Amino acid sequence: MFDDEFHVEASMSGYGALLLRVVGELDAATSDELIAALSEWLGITELTVDLSECTLIDSRGLKAVLECRHQIGEAAEMRLVGVPSNIEHTLRLAGLETVLGLDRDNDPLDAPTATI
């Protein structure tokens, strides 16, 4: 399905909601790619970050996700979906599950569908 190389897939809904699907390890070597993917979409009203294919997140990866939250602004909504248990554990240890909108009940497939 996916290769081992890190990448971020972006798709946009018709109402301004952006989905960023993270594939691979989100760490010091790849965190800038997540921020760069978001920076292409100014003025979004909602951001969903799908971590279902993310295999690891370290402190730099957490910082990148926090930077995404900062860049979209307080008025925009952000949620994390498809969070694997090891990454959820990391988010909870860091105390970030509520700050980042960890949403265990939402399926990544419910996110925006129009691929860009």
N, C-alpha and C. Protein backbone atom coordinates (compact mmCIF):
# COMPACT_ATOMS: atom_id res chain seq x y z
N MET A 1 0.83 -1.20 0.00
CA MET A 1 0.00 0.00 0.00
C MET A 1 0.88 1.26 0.00
N PHE A 2 1.68 1.46 1.04
CA PHE A 2 2.58 2.60 1.11
C PHE A 2 4.00 2.08 1.21
N ASP A 3 4.95 2.84 0.70
CA ASP A 3 6.35 2.47 0.90
C ASP A 3 6.81 3.04 2.24
N ASP A 4 8.06 2.77 2.59
CA ASP A 4 8.58 3.19 3.88
C ASP A 4 9.03 4.65 3.91
N GLU A 5 9.03 5.30 2.78
CA GLU A 5 9.47 6.69 2.72
C GLU A 5 8.41 7.62 3.29
N PHE A 6 8.84 8.59 4.08
CA PHE A 6 7.93 9.56 4.67
C PHE A 6 7.34 10.45 3.59
N HIS A 7 6.05 10.74 3.72
CA HIS A 7 5.41 11.74 2.89
C HIS A 7 4.10 12.19 3.54
N VAL A 8 3.62 13.33 3.07
CA VAL A 8 2.36 13.88 3.55
C VAL A 8 1.45 14.03 2.34
N GLU A 9 0.25 13.46 2.44
CA GLU A 9 -0.74 13.57 1.38
C GLU A 9 -1.77 14.62 1.81
N ALA A 10 -2.10 15.52 0.90
CA ALA A 10 -3.06 16.58 1.21
C ALA A 10 -4.31 16.43 0.35
N SER A 11 -5.47 16.64 0.97
CA SER A 11 -6.72 16.71 0.22
C SER A 11 -7.60 17.78 0.86
N MET A 12 -8.47 18.37 0.05
CA MET A 12 -9.28 19.50 0.49
C MET A 12 -10.75 19.22 0.21
N SER A 13 -11.60 19.59 1.15
CA SER A 13 -13.04 19.50 0.92
C SER A 13 -13.51 20.78 0.26
N GLY A 14 -14.73 20.79 -0.21
CA GLY A 14 -15.30 21.96 -0.84
C GLY A 14 -15.57 23.10 0.12
N TYR A 15 -15.59 22.84 1.42
CA TYR A 15 -15.90 23.88 2.39
C TYR A 15 -14.68 24.36 3.18
N GLY A 16 -13.49 24.11 2.66
CA GLY A 16 -12.29 24.66 3.27
C GLY A 16 -11.64 23.81 4.33
N ALA A 17 -12.00 22.54 4.44
CA ALA A 17 -11.36 21.65 5.41
C ALA A 17 -10.22 20.90 4.73
N LEU A 18 -9.07 20.92 5.35
CA LEU A 18 -7.88 20.28 4.81
C LEU A 18 -7.58 19.01 5.58
N LEU A 19 -7.26 17.94 4.85
CA LEU A 19 -6.80 16.69 5.44
C LEU A 19 -5.34 16.51 5.07
N LEU A 20 -4.50 16.33 6.08
CA LEU A 20 -3.10 15.97 5.88
C LEU A 20 -2.91 14.57 6.42
N ARG A 21 -2.57 13.63 5.53
CA ARG A 21 -2.34 12.24 5.93
C ARG A 21 -0.82 12.04 6.02
N VAL A 22 -0.35 11.70 7.23
CA VAL A 22 1.07 11.52 7.49
C VAL A 22 1.40 10.04 7.33
N VAL A 23 2.40 9.75 6.48
CA VAL A 23 2.80 8.38 6.22
C VAL A 23 4.28 8.23 6.59
N GLY A 24 4.57 7.31 7.50
CA GLY A 24 5.96 7.06 7.91
C GLY A 24 6.27 7.67 9.26
N GLU A 25 7.56 7.86 9.53
CA GLU A 25 8.03 8.37 10.81
C GLU A 25 8.11 9.90 10.80
N LEU A 26 7.36 10.51 11.72
CA LEU A 26 7.38 11.97 11.87
C LEU A 26 8.39 12.30 12.96
N ASP A 27 9.59 12.70 12.52
CA ASP A 27 10.68 12.91 13.46
C ASP A 27 11.52 14.11 13.02
N ALA A 28 12.70 14.24 13.59
CA ALA A 28 13.56 15.39 13.30
C ALA A 28 13.90 15.50 11.82
N ALA A 29 14.01 14.37 11.15
CA ALA A 29 14.37 14.38 9.72
C ALA A 29 13.21 14.74 8.81
N THR A 30 11.97 14.60 9.30
CA THR A 30 10.80 14.77 8.42
C THR A 30 9.82 15.84 8.87
N SER A 31 9.98 16.37 10.07
CA SER A 31 8.98 17.29 10.63
C SER A 31 8.77 18.53 9.77
N ASP A 32 9.81 19.02 9.13
CA ASP A 32 9.66 20.21 8.28
C ASP A 32 8.74 19.95 7.09
N GLU A 33 8.65 18.71 6.64
CA GLU A 33 7.78 18.38 5.51
C GLU A 33 6.30 18.55 5.88
N LEU A 34 5.94 18.23 7.11
CA LEU A 34 4.56 18.43 7.55
C LEU A 34 4.22 19.92 7.57
N ILE A 35 5.10 20.72 8.12
CA ILE A 35 4.87 22.17 8.18
C ILE A 35 4.81 22.76 6.77
N ALA A 36 5.68 22.29 5.89
CA ALA A 36 5.68 22.77 4.50
C ALA A 36 4.38 22.39 3.80
N ALA A 37 3.86 21.21 4.05
CA ALA A 37 2.60 20.79 3.42
C ALA A 37 1.45 21.69 3.85
N LEU A 38 1.43 22.07 5.12
CA LEU A 38 0.38 22.97 5.61
C LEU A 38 0.54 24.37 5.06
N SER A 39 1.76 24.83 4.91
CA SER A 39 1.99 26.22 4.48
C SER A 39 1.48 26.50 3.07
N GLU A 40 1.19 25.46 2.31
CA GLU A 40 0.63 25.64 0.97
C GLU A 40 -0.86 25.98 1.01
N TRP A 41 -1.49 25.88 2.18
CA TRP A 41 -2.93 26.07 2.30
C TRP A 41 -3.24 27.17 3.30
N LEU A 42 -3.19 28.39 2.87
CA LEU A 42 -3.47 29.51 3.76
C LEU A 42 -4.98 29.73 3.88
N GLY A 43 -5.42 30.14 5.03
CA GLY A 43 -6.81 30.50 5.23
C GLY A 43 -7.78 29.34 5.43
N ILE A 44 -7.28 28.15 5.78
CA ILE A 44 -8.20 27.03 5.99
C ILE A 44 -8.99 27.26 7.28
N THR A 45 -10.18 26.66 7.35
CA THR A 45 -11.03 26.80 8.52
C THR A 45 -11.00 25.56 9.39
N GLU A 46 -10.51 24.45 8.83
CA GLU A 46 -10.49 23.19 9.56
C GLU A 46 -9.33 22.35 9.06
N LEU A 47 -8.59 21.74 10.00
CA LEU A 47 -7.49 20.87 9.66
C LEU A 47 -7.67 19.54 10.35
N THR A 48 -7.62 18.47 9.58
CA THR A 48 -7.62 17.12 10.11
C THR A 48 -6.27 16.51 9.76
N VAL A 49 -5.58 15.99 10.76
CA VAL A 49 -4.30 15.31 10.55
C VAL A 49 -4.54 13.83 10.81
N ASP A 50 -4.43 13.03 9.75
CA ASP A 50 -4.64 11.59 9.82
C ASP A 50 -3.29 10.93 10.11
N LEU A 51 -3.19 10.29 11.26
CA LEU A 51 -1.95 9.64 11.67
C LEU A 51 -2.03 8.11 11.56
N SER A 52 -3.02 7.60 10.86
CA SER A 52 -3.22 6.14 10.80
C SER A 52 -2.05 5.42 10.13
N GLU A 53 -1.30 6.11 9.28
CA GLU A 53 -0.14 5.51 8.62
C GLU A 53 1.18 6.04 9.18
N CYS A 54 1.11 6.80 10.27
CA CYS A 54 2.30 7.31 10.93
C CYS A 54 2.81 6.23 11.88
N THR A 55 4.07 5.87 11.74
CA THR A 55 4.61 4.75 12.52
C THR A 55 5.35 5.19 13.78
N LEU A 56 5.74 6.46 13.84
CA LEU A 56 6.49 6.96 15.00
C LEU A 56 6.37 8.48 15.02
N ILE A 57 6.34 9.03 16.22
CA ILE A 57 6.42 10.48 16.36
C ILE A 57 7.35 10.78 17.53
N ASP A 58 8.35 11.63 17.29
CA ASP A 58 9.27 12.01 18.36
C ASP A 58 9.00 13.45 18.77
N SER A 59 9.88 14.02 19.59
CA SER A 59 9.64 15.38 20.09
C SER A 59 9.60 16.41 18.96
N ARG A 60 10.41 16.26 17.93
CA ARG A 60 10.36 17.19 16.80
C ARG A 60 9.07 17.01 16.01
N GLY A 61 8.59 15.78 15.92
CA GLY A 61 7.30 15.54 15.27
C GLY A 61 6.16 16.19 16.04
N LEU A 62 6.21 16.07 17.37
CA LEU A 62 5.20 16.74 18.20
C LEU A 62 5.26 18.24 18.01
N LYS A 63 6.47 18.77 17.96
CA LYS A 63 6.64 20.21 17.75
C LYS A 63 6.05 20.64 16.40
N ALA A 64 6.22 19.81 15.38
CA ALA A 64 5.67 20.12 14.06
C ALA A 64 4.14 20.13 14.09
N VAL A 65 3.54 19.19 14.79
CA VAL A 65 2.08 19.16 14.90
C VAL A 65 1.60 20.38 15.67
N LEU A 66 2.31 20.75 16.73
CA LEU A 66 1.96 21.97 17.47
C LEU A 66 2.11 23.22 16.59
N GLU A 67 3.12 23.24 15.76
CA GLU A 67 3.32 24.37 14.84
C GLU A 67 2.16 24.46 13.86
N CYS A 68 1.66 23.32 13.40
CA CYS A 68 0.48 23.32 12.53
C CYS A 68 -0.71 23.96 13.26
N ARG A 69 -0.90 23.58 14.51
CA ARG A 69 -1.99 24.16 15.32
C ARG A 69 -1.82 25.68 15.39
N HIS A 70 -0.60 26.12 15.61
CA HIS A 70 -0.31 27.55 15.71
C HIS A 70 -0.56 28.26 14.37
N GLN A 71 -0.12 27.67 13.27
CA GLN A 71 -0.23 28.31 11.97
C GLN A 71 -1.68 28.48 11.51
N ILE A 72 -2.57 27.56 11.84
CA ILE A 72 -3.95 27.71 11.37
C ILE A 72 -4.72 28.72 12.21
N GLY A 73 -4.22 29.04 13.39
CA GLY A 73 -4.85 30.05 14.23
C GLY A 73 -5.92 29.48 15.14
N GLU A 74 -6.25 30.24 16.15
CA GLU A 74 -7.20 29.79 17.16
C GLU A 74 -8.62 29.67 16.63
N ALA A 75 -8.97 30.42 15.60
CA ALA A 75 -10.33 30.38 15.07
C ALA A 75 -10.60 29.11 14.26
N ALA A 76 -9.57 28.50 13.72
CA ALA A 76 -9.73 27.29 12.92
C ALA A 76 -9.76 26.05 13.83
N GLU A 77 -10.44 25.02 13.37
CA GLU A 77 -10.52 23.77 14.12
C GLU A 77 -9.42 22.82 13.66
N MET A 78 -8.91 22.04 14.60
CA MET A 78 -7.91 21.02 14.28
C MET A 78 -8.23 19.76 15.04
N ARG A 79 -8.07 18.62 14.37
CA ARG A 79 -8.26 17.35 15.05
C ARG A 79 -7.28 16.32 14.48
N LEU A 80 -6.90 15.40 15.33
CA LEU A 80 -6.06 14.28 14.93
C LEU A 80 -6.95 13.04 14.87
N VAL A 81 -6.84 12.28 13.79
CA VAL A 81 -7.65 11.08 13.64
C VAL A 81 -6.75 9.91 13.27
N GLY A 82 -7.27 8.69 13.46
CA GLY A 82 -6.53 7.49 13.10
C GLY A 82 -5.25 7.33 13.89
N VAL A 83 -5.24 7.78 15.13
CA VAL A 83 -4.01 7.81 15.92
C VAL A 83 -3.70 6.40 16.46
N PRO A 84 -2.55 5.83 16.04
CA PRO A 84 -2.16 4.52 16.58
C PRO A 84 -1.91 4.60 18.09
N SER A 85 -2.04 3.49 18.78
CA SER A 85 -1.94 3.49 20.24
C SER A 85 -0.57 3.97 20.74
N ASN A 86 0.51 3.64 20.04
CA ASN A 86 1.83 4.10 20.48
C ASN A 86 1.96 5.62 20.38
N ILE A 87 1.36 6.21 19.36
CA ILE A 87 1.42 7.67 19.20
C ILE A 87 0.46 8.34 20.17
N GLU A 88 -0.69 7.74 20.40
CA GLU A 88 -1.61 8.28 21.40
C GLU A 88 -0.94 8.31 22.76
N HIS A 89 -0.21 7.26 23.08
CA HIS A 89 0.51 7.20 24.36
C HIS A 89 1.52 8.36 24.45
N THR A 90 2.25 8.62 23.38
CA THR A 90 3.22 9.72 23.35
C THR A 90 2.51 11.07 23.54
N LEU A 91 1.38 11.25 22.87
CA LEU A 91 0.62 12.50 23.01
C LEU A 91 0.13 12.69 24.44
N ARG A 92 -0.34 11.62 25.04
CA ARG A 92 -0.84 11.72 26.42
C ARG A 92 0.30 11.99 27.41
N LEU A 93 1.44 11.34 27.21
CA LEU A 93 2.60 11.60 28.08
C LEU A 93 3.03 13.06 28.01
N ALA A 94 2.93 13.63 26.82
CA ALA A 94 3.31 15.03 26.63
C ALA A 94 2.20 15.99 27.06
N GLY A 95 1.01 15.46 27.39
CA GLY A 95 -0.11 16.30 27.80
C GLY A 95 -0.75 17.06 26.65
N LEU A 96 -0.64 16.53 25.44
CA LEU A 96 -1.10 17.26 24.26
C LEU A 96 -2.39 16.73 23.64
N GLU A 97 -2.98 15.71 24.20
CA GLU A 97 -4.16 15.12 23.57
C GLU A 97 -5.33 16.10 23.46
N THR A 98 -5.51 16.98 24.43
CA THR A 98 -6.61 17.94 24.34
C THR A 98 -6.21 19.18 23.54
N VAL A 99 -4.97 19.60 23.66
CA VAL A 99 -4.48 20.76 22.92
C VAL A 99 -4.57 20.52 21.41
N LEU A 100 -4.27 19.28 21.00
CA LEU A 100 -4.23 18.96 19.58
C LEU A 100 -5.53 18.35 19.06
N GLY A 101 -6.53 18.19 19.89
CA GLY A 101 -7.82 17.69 19.41
C GLY A 101 -7.78 16.22 19.01
N LEU A 102 -7.23 15.38 19.87
CA LEU A 102 -7.21 13.94 19.62
C LEU A 102 -8.63 13.42 19.56
N ASP A 103 -9.01 12.84 18.44
CA ASP A 103 -10.39 12.43 18.20
C ASP A 103 -10.42 10.93 17.91
N ARG A 104 -10.58 10.13 18.96
CA ARG A 104 -10.55 8.67 18.83
C ARG A 104 -11.80 8.13 18.14
N ASP A 105 -12.90 8.87 18.14
CA ASP A 105 -14.15 8.36 17.58
C ASP A 105 -14.30 8.58 16.09
N ASN A 106 -13.47 9.42 15.49
CA ASN A 106 -13.62 9.73 14.08
C ASN A 106 -12.70 8.88 13.22
N ASP A 107 -13.27 8.36 12.17
CA ASP A 107 -12.56 7.57 11.17
C ASP A 107 -11.91 8.52 10.19
N PRO A 108 -10.64 8.29 9.81
CA PRO A 108 -10.01 9.15 8.81
C PRO A 108 -10.79 9.21 7.51
N LEU A 109 -11.57 8.17 7.24
CA LEU A 109 -12.35 8.16 6.01
C LEU A 109 -13.51 9.13 6.04
N ASP A 110 -13.85 9.66 7.22
CA ASP A 110 -14.89 10.68 7.34
C ASP A 110 -14.37 12.07 7.03
N ALA A 111 -13.08 12.18 6.82
CA ALA A 111 -12.43 13.47 6.56
C ALA A 111 -12.67 13.90 5.12
N PRO A 112 -12.23 15.10 4.76
CA PRO A 112 -12.44 15.62 3.41
C PRO A 112 -12.00 14.63 2.34
N THR A 113 -12.73 14.64 1.22
CA THR A 113 -12.49 13.62 0.21
C THR A 113 -11.97 14.14 -1.14
N ALA A 114 -12.09 15.39 -1.41
CA ALA A 114 -11.67 15.90 -2.72
C ALA A 114 -10.15 16.04 -2.74
N THR A 115 -9.47 15.15 -3.44
CA THR A 115 -8.02 15.16 -3.46
C THR A 115 -7.52 16.28 -4.37
N ILE A 116 -6.51 16.97 -3.91
CA ILE A 116 -5.88 18.06 -4.67
C ILE A 116 -4.55 17.58 -5.17
